[in-house]
Amino acid sequence: MIEKFLLLVLLGVLSGCALTPAREEPGEPRVESNVWTQTPVHTGSAADAKTQWQHYRLPGKQATSFRFARNDGRDAMAVQASASASMLRQKVHIVPSELSQLKFSWKVPELIAQADMAVREVDDSPVRIVLAFDGDRSKFSAKNAMLSELSHALTGEPMPYATLMYVWCNTRAPGSVITNPRTDRIRKIVVESGGSNLNRWLDYERDVRADFEIAFGEAPGNLVGVGIMTDTDNTQTDIRAWYGTLTLAKVQ
């Protein structure tokens, strides 16, 4: 019984959008090559341009649909979630001294009325920008250490030391920090709230290092992953959204 409980806990963390990588399943199509996915998530060395966006499914979850689209003259990733949760992820390696501004954009036609990212049972979101960081896992609580070890056993990689998200919340004011109800190693900064800006493109520029310190109360470690995710697996609803390309500038 305890093994089954631990597995369910880990799956709960994954569905709550920690950037722990699920293995890509055989036959799972990669997102088609296009301007959006060919754009590196950060600028810098020539090696950056070789980094690929990949579609990662989460264990036990229906996959969200990702497809390239042009929307209002923009290159975009169109996302359709139907009681589903999966992500596009790109692995990176940026040391803290090189962390700088993250630019991203999204367009959301409607919110998920019953969603609340502070409540485990309805922790869904129409849009998420997900940043995974490495760090000193010896600082983990017993619970988080257990989750990280189990993640390593099941996926081949430990749970990220910390996961920072930028989200659109139904009610909380921009600037609010939401701690994930499953683990305090996932924290979300609200950058948009309520329905006044629905159905229009919104552009953001964030200081990643400063936001991490606000959310976690410590300096960030290496940034090791960037993802986008739209999930409705908890509320069992349908939602769609569009993401613009992401640019993470590196301090030269």
C-alpha atoms as a PDB file:
ATOM      1  CA  MET A   1       0.000   0.000   0.000  1.00  0.00           C
ATOM      2  CA  ILE A   2       2.776   2.452   0.823  1.00  0.00           C
ATOM      3  CA  GLU A   3       4.402   1.937  -2.602  1.00  0.00           C
ATOM      4  CA  LYS A   4       1.108   2.668  -4.323  1.00  0.00           C
ATOM      5  CA  PHE A   5       0.630   5.749  -2.158  1.00  0.00           C
ATOM      6  CA  LEU A   6       4.085   7.086  -3.039  1.00  0.00           C
ATOM      7  CA  LEU A   7       3.432   6.532  -6.746  1.00  0.00           C
ATOM      8  CA  LEU A   8       0.165   8.440  -6.530  1.00  0.00           C
ATOM      9  CA  VAL A   9       1.928  11.266  -4.680  1.00  0.00           C
ATOM     10  CA  LEU A  10       4.538  11.514  -7.405  1.00  0.00           C
ATOM     11  CA  LEU A  11       1.929  11.473 -10.161  1.00  0.00           C
ATOM     12  CA  GLY A  12       0.130  14.206  -8.261  1.00  0.00           C
ATOM     13  CA  VAL A  13       3.271  16.329  -8.298  1.00  0.00           C
ATOM     14  CA  LEU A  14       3.699  15.705 -12.003  1.00  0.00           C
ATOM     15  CA  SER A  15       0.114  16.652 -12.757  1.00  0.00           C
ATOM     16  CA  GLY A  16       0.705  19.738 -10.663  1.00  0.00           C
ATOM     17  CA  CYS A  17       3.314  20.672 -13.251  1.00  0.00           C
ATOM     18  CA  ALA A  18       6.710  20.104 -11.747  1.00  0.00           C
ATOM     19  CA  LEU A  19       9.121  19.946 -14.644  1.00  0.00           C
ATOM     20  CA  THR A  20      10.132  16.358 -13.904  1.00  0.00           C
ATOM     21  CA  PRO A  21      10.552  14.806 -17.370  1.00  0.00           C
ATOM     22  CA  ALA A  22       8.303  11.915 -18.265  1.00  0.00           C
ATOM     23  CA  ARG A  23       9.828   9.718 -20.910  1.00  0.00           C
ATOM     24  CA  GLU A  24       8.481  10.296 -24.397  1.00  0.00           C
ATOM     25  CA  GLU A  25       6.259   7.342 -25.224  1.00  0.00           C
ATOM     26  CA  PRO A  26       6.850   5.239 -28.371  1.00  0.00           C
ATOM     27  CA  GLY A  27       4.787   6.590 -31.237  1.00  0.00           C
ATOM     28  CA  GLU A  28       4.234   9.952 -29.558  1.00  0.00           C
ATOM     29  CA  PRO A  29       4.653  12.493 -32.367  1.00  0.00           C
ATOM     30  CA  ARG A  30       7.052  15.343 -31.913  1.00  0.00           C
ATOM     31  CA  VAL A  31       5.689  18.812 -32.490  1.00  0.00           C
ATOM     32  CA  GLU A  32       6.171  19.600 -36.154  1.00  0.00           C
ATOM     33  CA  SER A  33       9.177  21.719 -37.061  1.00  0.00           C
ATOM     34  CA  ASN A  34       8.247  25.359 -37.535  1.00  0.00           C
ATOM     35  CA  VAL A  35       9.296  28.901 -36.722  1.00  0.00           C
ATOM     36  CA  TRP A  36       7.999  28.651 -33.147  1.00  0.00           C
ATOM     37  CA  THR A  37       9.840  25.460 -32.217  1.00  0.00           C
ATOM     38  CA  GLN A  38      12.980  26.368 -34.145  1.00  0.00           C
ATOM     39  CA  THR A  39      13.354  29.573 -32.134  1.00  0.00           C
ATOM     40  CA  PRO A  40      15.833  28.922 -29.311  1.00  0.00           C
ATOM     41  CA  VAL A  41      14.508  29.822 -25.898  1.00  0.00           C
ATOM     42  CA  HIS A  42      17.565  31.888 -25.104  1.00  0.00           C
ATOM     43  CA  THR A  43      20.210  33.795 -27.014  1.00  0.00           C
ATOM     44  CA  GLY A  44      23.919  33.192 -26.758  1.00  0.00           C
ATOM     45  CA  SER A  45      26.189  30.501 -28.199  1.00  0.00           C
ATOM     46  CA  ALA A  46      25.661  28.661 -31.455  1.00  0.00           C
ATOM     47  CA  ALA A  47      24.827  25.550 -29.443  1.00  0.00           C
ATOM     48  CA  ASP A  48      21.637  27.244 -28.250  1.00  0.00           C
ATOM     49  CA  ALA A  49      20.123  27.065 -31.713  1.00  0.00           C
ATOM     50  CA  LYS A  50      20.494  23.266 -31.751  1.00  0.00           C
ATOM     51  CA  THR A  51      18.275  22.830 -28.692  1.00  0.00           C
ATOM     52  CA  GLN A  52      14.954  21.201 -29.563  1.00  0.00           C
ATOM     53  CA  TRP A  53      11.506  21.690 -28.088  1.00  0.00           C
ATOM     54  CA  GLN A  54       9.966  18.301 -27.308  1.00  0.00           C
ATOM     55  CA  HIS A  55       6.485  17.156 -26.383  1.00  0.00           C
ATOM     56  CA  TYR A  56       6.564  15.325 -23.060  1.00  0.00           C
ATOM     57  CA  ARG A  57       3.618  13.384 -21.764  1.00  0.00           C
ATOM     58  CA  LEU A  58       2.923  12.977 -18.057  1.00  0.00           C
ATOM     59  CA  PRO A  59       2.358   9.486 -16.629  1.00  0.00           C
ATOM     60  CA  GLY A  60      -1.294   8.505 -16.517  1.00  0.00           C
ATOM     61  CA  LYS A  61      -2.514  11.687 -18.234  1.00  0.00           C
ATOM     62  CA  GLN A  62      -4.147  12.405 -21.581  1.00  0.00           C
ATOM     63  CA  ALA A  63      -1.877  14.546 -23.738  1.00  0.00           C
ATOM     64  CA  THR A  64      -2.680  18.157 -24.528  1.00  0.00           C
ATOM     65  CA  SER A  65      -2.598  19.022 -28.253  1.00  0.00           C
ATOM     66  CA  PHE A  66       0.122  21.383 -29.516  1.00  0.00           C
ATOM     67  CA  ARG A  67       0.227  22.658 -33.096  1.00  0.00           C
ATOM     68  CA  PHE A  68       1.809  25.539 -34.952  1.00  0.00           C
ATOM     69  CA  ALA A  69      -0.524  28.363 -35.997  1.00  0.00           C
ATOM     70  CA  ARG A  70      -0.529  31.935 -37.171  1.00  0.00           C
ATOM     71  CA  ASN A  71      -2.741  34.070 -34.951  1.00  0.00           C
ATOM     72  CA  ASP A  72      -3.253  37.804 -35.474  1.00  0.00           C
ATOM     73  CA  GLY A  73      -0.102  37.890 -37.565  1.00  0.00           C
ATOM     74  CA  ARG A  74       2.037  36.119 -34.964  1.00  0.00           C
ATOM     75  CA  ASP A  75       3.841  32.801 -35.019  1.00  0.00           C
ATOM     76  CA  ALA A  76       2.193  30.890 -32.197  1.00  0.00           C
ATOM     77  CA  MET A  77       1.791  27.516 -30.565  1.00  0.00           C
ATOM     78  CA  ALA A  78      -1.931  26.698 -30.464  1.00  0.00           C
ATOM     79  CA  VAL A  79      -2.834  24.549 -27.475  1.00  0.00           C
ATOM     80  CA  GLN A  80      -6.012  22.541 -26.875  1.00  0.00           C
ATOM     81  CA  ALA A  81      -6.503  20.771 -23.541  1.00  0.00           C
ATOM     82  CA  SER A  82      -9.386  18.345 -23.060  1.00  0.00           C
ATOM     83  CA  ALA A  83      -9.201  16.857 -19.543  1.00  0.00           C
ATOM     84  CA  SER A  84      -5.475  16.586 -20.300  1.00  0.00           C
ATOM     85  CA  ALA A  85      -2.002  17.613 -19.188  1.00  0.00           C
ATOM     86  CA  SER A  86       1.313  17.529 -21.077  1.00  0.00           C
ATOM     87  CA  MET A  87       4.004  20.031 -21.943  1.00  0.00           C
ATOM     88  CA  LEU A  88       6.461  21.308 -24.482  1.00  0.00           C
ATOM     89  CA  ARG A  89       9.867  21.384 -22.861  1.00  0.00           C
ATOM     90  CA  GLN A  90      13.314  22.561 -23.848  1.00  0.00           C
ATOM     91  CA  LYS A  91      16.387  21.644 -21.832  1.00  0.00           C
ATOM     92  CA  VAL A  92      18.788  24.503 -21.175  1.00  0.00           C
ATOM     93  CA  HIS A  93      21.767  25.199 -18.941  1.00  0.00           C
ATOM     94  CA  ILE A  94      22.100  28.786 -17.794  1.00  0.00           C
ATOM     95  CA  VAL A  95      24.156  29.628 -14.725  1.00  0.00           C
ATOM     96  CA  PRO A  96      22.702  32.170 -12.268  1.00  0.00           C
ATOM     97  CA  SER A  97      25.121  34.946 -13.266  1.00  0.00           C
ATOM     98  CA  GLU A  98      23.790  34.772 -16.833  1.00  0.00           C
ATOM     99  CA  LEU A  99      20.078  34.827 -15.948  1.00  0.00           C
ATOM    100  CA  SER A 100      18.349  37.898 -17.287  1.00  0.00           C
ATOM    101  CA  GLN A 101      15.030  38.916 -18.853  1.00  0.00           C
ATOM    102  CA  LEU A 102      12.437  36.395 -20.026  1.00  0.00           C
ATOM    103  CA  LYS A 103      10.071  37.623 -22.732  1.00  0.00           C
ATOM    104  CA  PHE A 104       6.892  35.674 -23.442  1.00  0.00           C
ATOM    105  CA  SER A 105       3.347  36.226 -24.657  1.00  0.00           C
ATOM    106  CA  TRP A 106       0.035  34.408 -24.660  1.00  0.00           C
ATOM    107  CA  LYS A 107      -3.578  34.760 -25.712  1.00  0.00           C
ATOM    108  CA  VAL A 108      -6.395  33.183 -23.696  1.00  0.00           C
ATOM    109  CA  PRO A 109     -10.043  33.206 -24.902  1.00  0.00           C
ATOM    110  CA  GLU A 110     -11.526  32.086 -21.570  1.00  0.00           C
ATOM    111  CA  LEU A 111     -10.572  31.030 -18.062  1.00  0.00           C
ATOM    112  CA  ILE A 112     -11.318  27.776 -16.262  1.00  0.00           C
ATOM    113  CA  ALA A 113     -14.139  28.881 -13.973  1.00  0.00           C
ATOM    114  CA  GLN A 114     -13.667  26.221 -11.291  1.00  0.00           C
ATOM    115  CA  ALA A 115      -9.852  26.235 -11.243  1.00  0.00           C
ATOM    116  CA  ASP A 116      -7.814  27.304  -8.209  1.00  0.00           C
ATOM    117  CA  MET A 117      -4.061  26.739  -8.311  1.00  0.00           C
ATOM    118  CA  ALA A 118      -3.842  26.698  -4.519  1.00  0.00           C
ATOM    119  CA  VAL A 119      -6.278  23.771  -4.235  1.00  0.00           C
ATOM    120  CA  ARG A 120      -5.002  20.295  -5.084  1.00  0.00           C
ATOM    121  CA  GLU A 121      -8.243  18.985  -6.600  1.00  0.00           C
ATOM    122  CA  VAL A 122      -8.683  21.860  -9.096  1.00  0.00           C
ATOM    123  CA  ASP A 123      -5.084  22.940  -9.759  1.00  0.00           C
ATOM    124  CA  ASP A 124      -5.453  23.684 -13.499  1.00  0.00           C
ATOM    125  CA  SER A 125      -4.422  26.670 -15.587  1.00  0.00           C
ATOM    126  CA  PRO A 126      -5.092  27.871 -19.161  1.00  0.00           C
ATOM    127  CA  VAL A 127      -1.442  28.940 -19.542  1.00  0.00           C
ATOM    128  CA  ARG A 128       1.801  28.320 -17.678  1.00  0.00           C
ATOM    129  CA  ILE A 129       5.405  29.249 -18.357  1.00  0.00           C
ATOM    130  CA  VAL A 130       7.469  26.710 -16.413  1.00  0.00           C
ATOM    131  CA  LEU A 131      11.120  27.187 -15.353  1.00  0.00           C
ATOM    132  CA  ALA A 132      13.048  24.364 -13.664  1.00  0.00           C
ATOM    133  CA  PHE A 133      16.149  25.020 -11.564  1.00  0.00           C
ATOM    134  CA  ASP A 134      18.899  22.846 -10.146  1.00  0.00           C
ATOM    135  CA  GLY A 135      20.129  23.290  -6.587  1.00  0.00           C
ATOM    136  CA  ASP A 136      21.266  21.663  -3.373  1.00  0.00           C
ATOM    137  CA  ARG A 137      18.825  18.806  -2.805  1.00  0.00           C
ATOM    138  CA  SER A 138      20.333  18.162   0.637  1.00  0.00           C
ATOM    139  CA  LYS A 139      18.104  21.055   1.725  1.00  0.00           C
ATOM    140  CA  PHE A 140      14.959  19.110   0.780  1.00  0.00           C
ATOM    141  CA  SER A 141      12.460  18.216   3.455  1.00  0.00           C
ATOM    142  CA  ALA A 142      11.948  14.490   4.053  1.00  0.00           C
ATOM    143  CA  LYS A 143       8.837  14.587   1.858  1.00  0.00           C
ATOM    144  CA  ASN A 144      10.570  16.356  -1.029  1.00  0.00           C
ATOM    145  CA  ALA A 145      13.625  14.089  -0.770  1.00  0.00           C
ATOM    146  CA  MET A 146      11.303  11.094  -1.040  1.00  0.00           C
ATOM    147  CA  LEU A 147       9.587  12.562  -4.097  1.00  0.00           C
ATOM    148  CA  SER A 148      12.919  13.338  -5.750  1.00  0.00           C
ATOM    149  CA  GLU A 149      14.224   9.809  -5.176  1.00  0.00           C
ATOM    150  CA  LEU A 150      11.027   8.295  -6.513  1.00  0.00           C
ATOM    151  CA  SER A 151      11.141  10.588  -9.536  1.00  0.00           C
ATOM    152  CA  HIS A 152      14.701   9.446 -10.236  1.00  0.00           C
ATOM    153  CA  ALA A 153      13.671   5.805  -9.991  1.00  0.00           C
ATOM    154  CA  LEU A 154      10.703   6.215 -12.347  1.00  0.00           C
ATOM    155  CA  THR A 155      12.024   8.726 -14.888  1.00  0.00           C
ATOM    156  CA  GLY A 156      15.815   8.597 -14.632  1.00  0.00           C
ATOM    157  CA  GLU A 157      16.026  12.188 -13.407  1.00  0.00           C
ATOM    158  CA  PRO A 158      15.480  13.691  -9.965  1.00  0.00           C
ATOM    159  CA  MET A 159      12.744  16.192  -9.253  1.00  0.00           C
ATOM    160  CA  PRO A 160      13.961  19.734  -9.998  1.00  0.00           C
ATOM    161  CA  TYR A 161      15.294  21.535  -6.955  1.00  0.00           C
ATOM    162  CA  ALA A 162      12.811  24.314  -7.648  1.00  0.00           C
ATOM    163  CA  THR A 163      10.160  25.029 -10.269  1.00  0.00           C
ATOM    164  CA  LEU A 164       8.995  28.592 -10.897  1.00  0.00           C
ATOM    165  CA  MET A 165       5.896  29.276 -12.996  1.00  0.00           C
ATOM    166  CA  TYR A 166       4.278  32.346 -14.482  1.00  0.00           C
ATOM    167  CA  VAL A 167       0.502  31.867 -14.513  1.00  0.00           C
ATOM    168  CA  TRP A 168      -2.877  33.472 -15.169  1.00  0.00           C
ATOM    169  CA  CYS A 169      -5.055  33.234 -12.072  1.00  0.00           C
ATOM    170  CA  ASN A 170      -8.824  33.685 -11.825  1.00  0.00           C
ATOM    171  CA  THR A 171      -8.811  35.878  -8.712  1.00  0.00           C
ATOM    172  CA  ARG A 172      -5.387  36.597  -7.182  1.00  0.00           C
ATOM    173  CA  ALA A 173      -3.701  39.895  -7.937  1.00  0.00           C
ATOM    174  CA  PRO A 174      -0.643  40.086 -10.205  1.00  0.00           C
ATOM    175  CA  GLY A 175       2.482  39.661  -8.124  1.00  0.00           C
ATOM    176  CA  SER A 176       0.886  37.077  -5.824  1.00  0.00           C
ATOM    177  CA  VAL A 177       2.906  33.930  -5.142  1.00  0.00           C
ATOM    178  CA  ILE A 178       1.016  30.619  -4.996  1.00  0.00           C
ATOM    179  CA  THR A 179       2.712  27.629  -3.390  1.00  0.00           C
ATOM    180  CA  ASN A 180       1.774  24.365  -5.025  1.00  0.00           C
ATOM    181  CA  PRO A 181      -0.518  22.334  -2.744  1.00  0.00           C
ATOM    182  CA  ARG A 182       1.546  19.173  -3.341  1.00  0.00           C
ATOM    183  CA  THR A 183       5.086  20.451  -2.748  1.00  0.00           C
ATOM    184  CA  ASP A 184       6.606  23.777  -1.735  1.00  0.00           C
ATOM    185  CA  ARG A 185       9.311  23.299  -4.386  1.00  0.00           C
ATOM    186  CA  ILE A 186       6.813  24.491  -7.006  1.00  0.00           C
ATOM    187  CA  ARG A 187       5.783  28.148  -6.733  1.00  0.00           C
ATOM    188  CA  LYS A 188       3.747  30.269  -9.132  1.00  0.00           C
ATOM    189  CA  ILE A 189       3.866  33.997  -9.732  1.00  0.00           C
ATOM    190  CA  VAL A 190       0.602  35.481 -10.956  1.00  0.00           C
ATOM    191  CA  VAL A 191       1.237  37.784 -13.931  1.00  0.00           C
ATOM    192  CA  GLU A 192      -2.387  38.103 -15.086  1.00  0.00           C
ATOM    193  CA  SER A 193      -5.658  37.936 -13.164  1.00  0.00           C
ATOM    194  CA  GLY A 194      -9.362  37.889 -13.959  1.00  0.00           C
ATOM    195  CA  GLY A 195     -11.083  38.207 -17.309  1.00  0.00           C
ATOM    196  CA  SER A 196     -10.517  41.807 -18.376  1.00  0.00           C
ATOM    197  CA  ASN A 197      -7.718  40.934 -20.834  1.00  0.00           C
ATOM    198  CA  LEU A 198      -9.180  37.804 -22.394  1.00  0.00           C
ATOM    199  CA  ASN A 199      -9.016  37.146 -26.151  1.00  0.00           C
ATOM    200  CA  ARG A 200      -6.083  39.470 -26.832  1.00  0.00           C
ATOM    201  CA  TRP A 201      -2.335  39.035 -27.066  1.00  0.00           C
ATOM    202  CA  LEU A 202      -0.505  39.991 -23.886  1.00  0.00           C
ATOM    203  CA  ASP A 203       3.267  40.510 -23.786  1.00  0.00           C
ATOM    204  CA  TYR A 204       5.454  40.198 -20.695  1.00  0.00           C
ATOM    205  CA  GLU A 205       9.073  40.771 -19.727  1.00  0.00           C
ATOM    206  CA  ARG A 206      10.225  39.332 -16.402  1.00  0.00           C
ATOM    207  CA  ASP A 207      13.459  39.435 -14.411  1.00  0.00           C
ATOM    208  CA  VAL A 208      13.881  35.713 -13.745  1.00  0.00           C
ATOM    209  CA  ARG A 209      16.508  36.028 -11.028  1.00  0.00           C
ATOM    210  CA  ALA A 210      14.508  38.640  -9.094  1.00  0.00           C
ATOM    211  CA  ASP A 211      11.275  36.654  -9.456  1.00  0.00           C
ATOM    212  CA  PHE A 212      12.943  33.490  -8.177  1.00  0.00           C
ATOM    213  CA  GLU A 213      14.190  35.321  -5.104  1.00  0.00           C
ATOM    214  CA  ILE A 214      10.707  36.715  -4.461  1.00  0.00           C
ATOM    215  CA  ALA A 215       9.081  33.301  -4.809  1.00  0.00           C
ATOM    216  CA  PHE A 216      11.627  31.167  -2.933  1.00  0.00           C
ATOM    217  CA  GLY A 217      13.480  33.610  -0.694  1.00  0.00           C
ATOM    218  CA  GLU A 218      16.891  32.526  -1.973  1.00  0.00           C
ATOM    219  CA  ALA A 219      19.108  32.977  -5.016  1.00  0.00           C
ATOM    220  CA  PRO A 220      18.454  30.639  -7.975  1.00  0.00           C
ATOM    221  CA  GLY A 221      20.688  27.815  -9.094  1.00  0.00           C
ATOM    222  CA  ASN A 222      21.266  26.804 -12.696  1.00  0.00           C
ATOM    223  CA  LEU A 223      18.230  27.071 -14.972  1.00  0.00           C
ATOM    224  CA  VAL A 224      17.901  23.588 -16.525  1.00  0.00           C
ATOM    225  CA  GLY A 225      14.525  23.563 -18.267  1.00  0.00           C
ATOM    226  CA  VAL A 226      11.869  25.802 -19.797  1.00  0.00           C
ATOM    227  CA  GLY A 227       8.361  24.660 -20.673  1.00  0.00           C
ATOM    228  CA  ILE A 228       4.856  25.711 -21.593  1.00  0.00           C
ATOM    229  CA  MET A 229       1.842  23.879 -20.263  1.00  0.00           C
ATOM    230  CA  THR A 230      -1.953  24.115 -20.448  1.00  0.00           C
ATOM    231  CA  ASP A 231      -3.724  21.603 -18.232  1.00  0.00           C
ATOM    232  CA  THR A 232      -7.340  20.690 -17.472  1.00  0.00           C
ATOM    233  CA  ASP A 233      -6.900  17.175 -16.078  1.00  0.00           C
ATOM    234  CA  ASN A 234      -8.153  18.058 -12.594  1.00  0.00           C
ATOM    235  CA  THR A 235     -11.247  20.035 -13.626  1.00  0.00           C
ATOM    236  CA  GLN A 236     -11.989  17.723 -16.590  1.00  0.00           C
ATOM    237  CA  THR A 237     -12.685  20.730 -18.813  1.00  0.00           C
ATOM    238  CA  ASP A 238     -11.801  21.933 -22.325  1.00  0.00           C
ATOM    239  CA  ILE A 239      -9.697  25.027 -22.907  1.00  0.00           C
ATOM    240  CA  ARG A 240      -7.579  26.505 -25.675  1.00  0.00           C
ATOM    241  CA  ALA A 241      -4.835  29.121 -25.754  1.00  0.00           C
ATOM    242  CA  TRP A 242      -1.945  30.438 -27.847  1.00  0.00           C
ATOM    243  CA  TYR A 243       1.670  31.000 -26.825  1.00  0.00           C
ATOM    244  CA  GLY A 244       4.086  33.297 -28.599  1.00  0.00           C
ATOM    245  CA  THR A 245       7.786  32.484 -28.875  1.00  0.00           C
ATOM    246  CA  LEU A 246       9.875  32.670 -25.703  1.00  0.00           C
ATOM    247  CA  THR A 247      13.140  34.562 -25.480  1.00  0.00           C
ATOM    248  CA  LEU A 248      15.422  34.322 -22.473  1.00  0.00           C
ATOM    249  CA  ALA A 249      18.287  36.746 -22.804  1.00  0.00           C
ATOM    250  CA  LYS A 250      21.626  35.797 -21.282  1.00  0.00           C
ATOM    251  CA  VAL A 251      23.874  38.320 -19.544  1.00  0.00           C
ATOM    252  CA  GLN A 252      26.960  38.543 -21.701  1.00  0.00           C
END
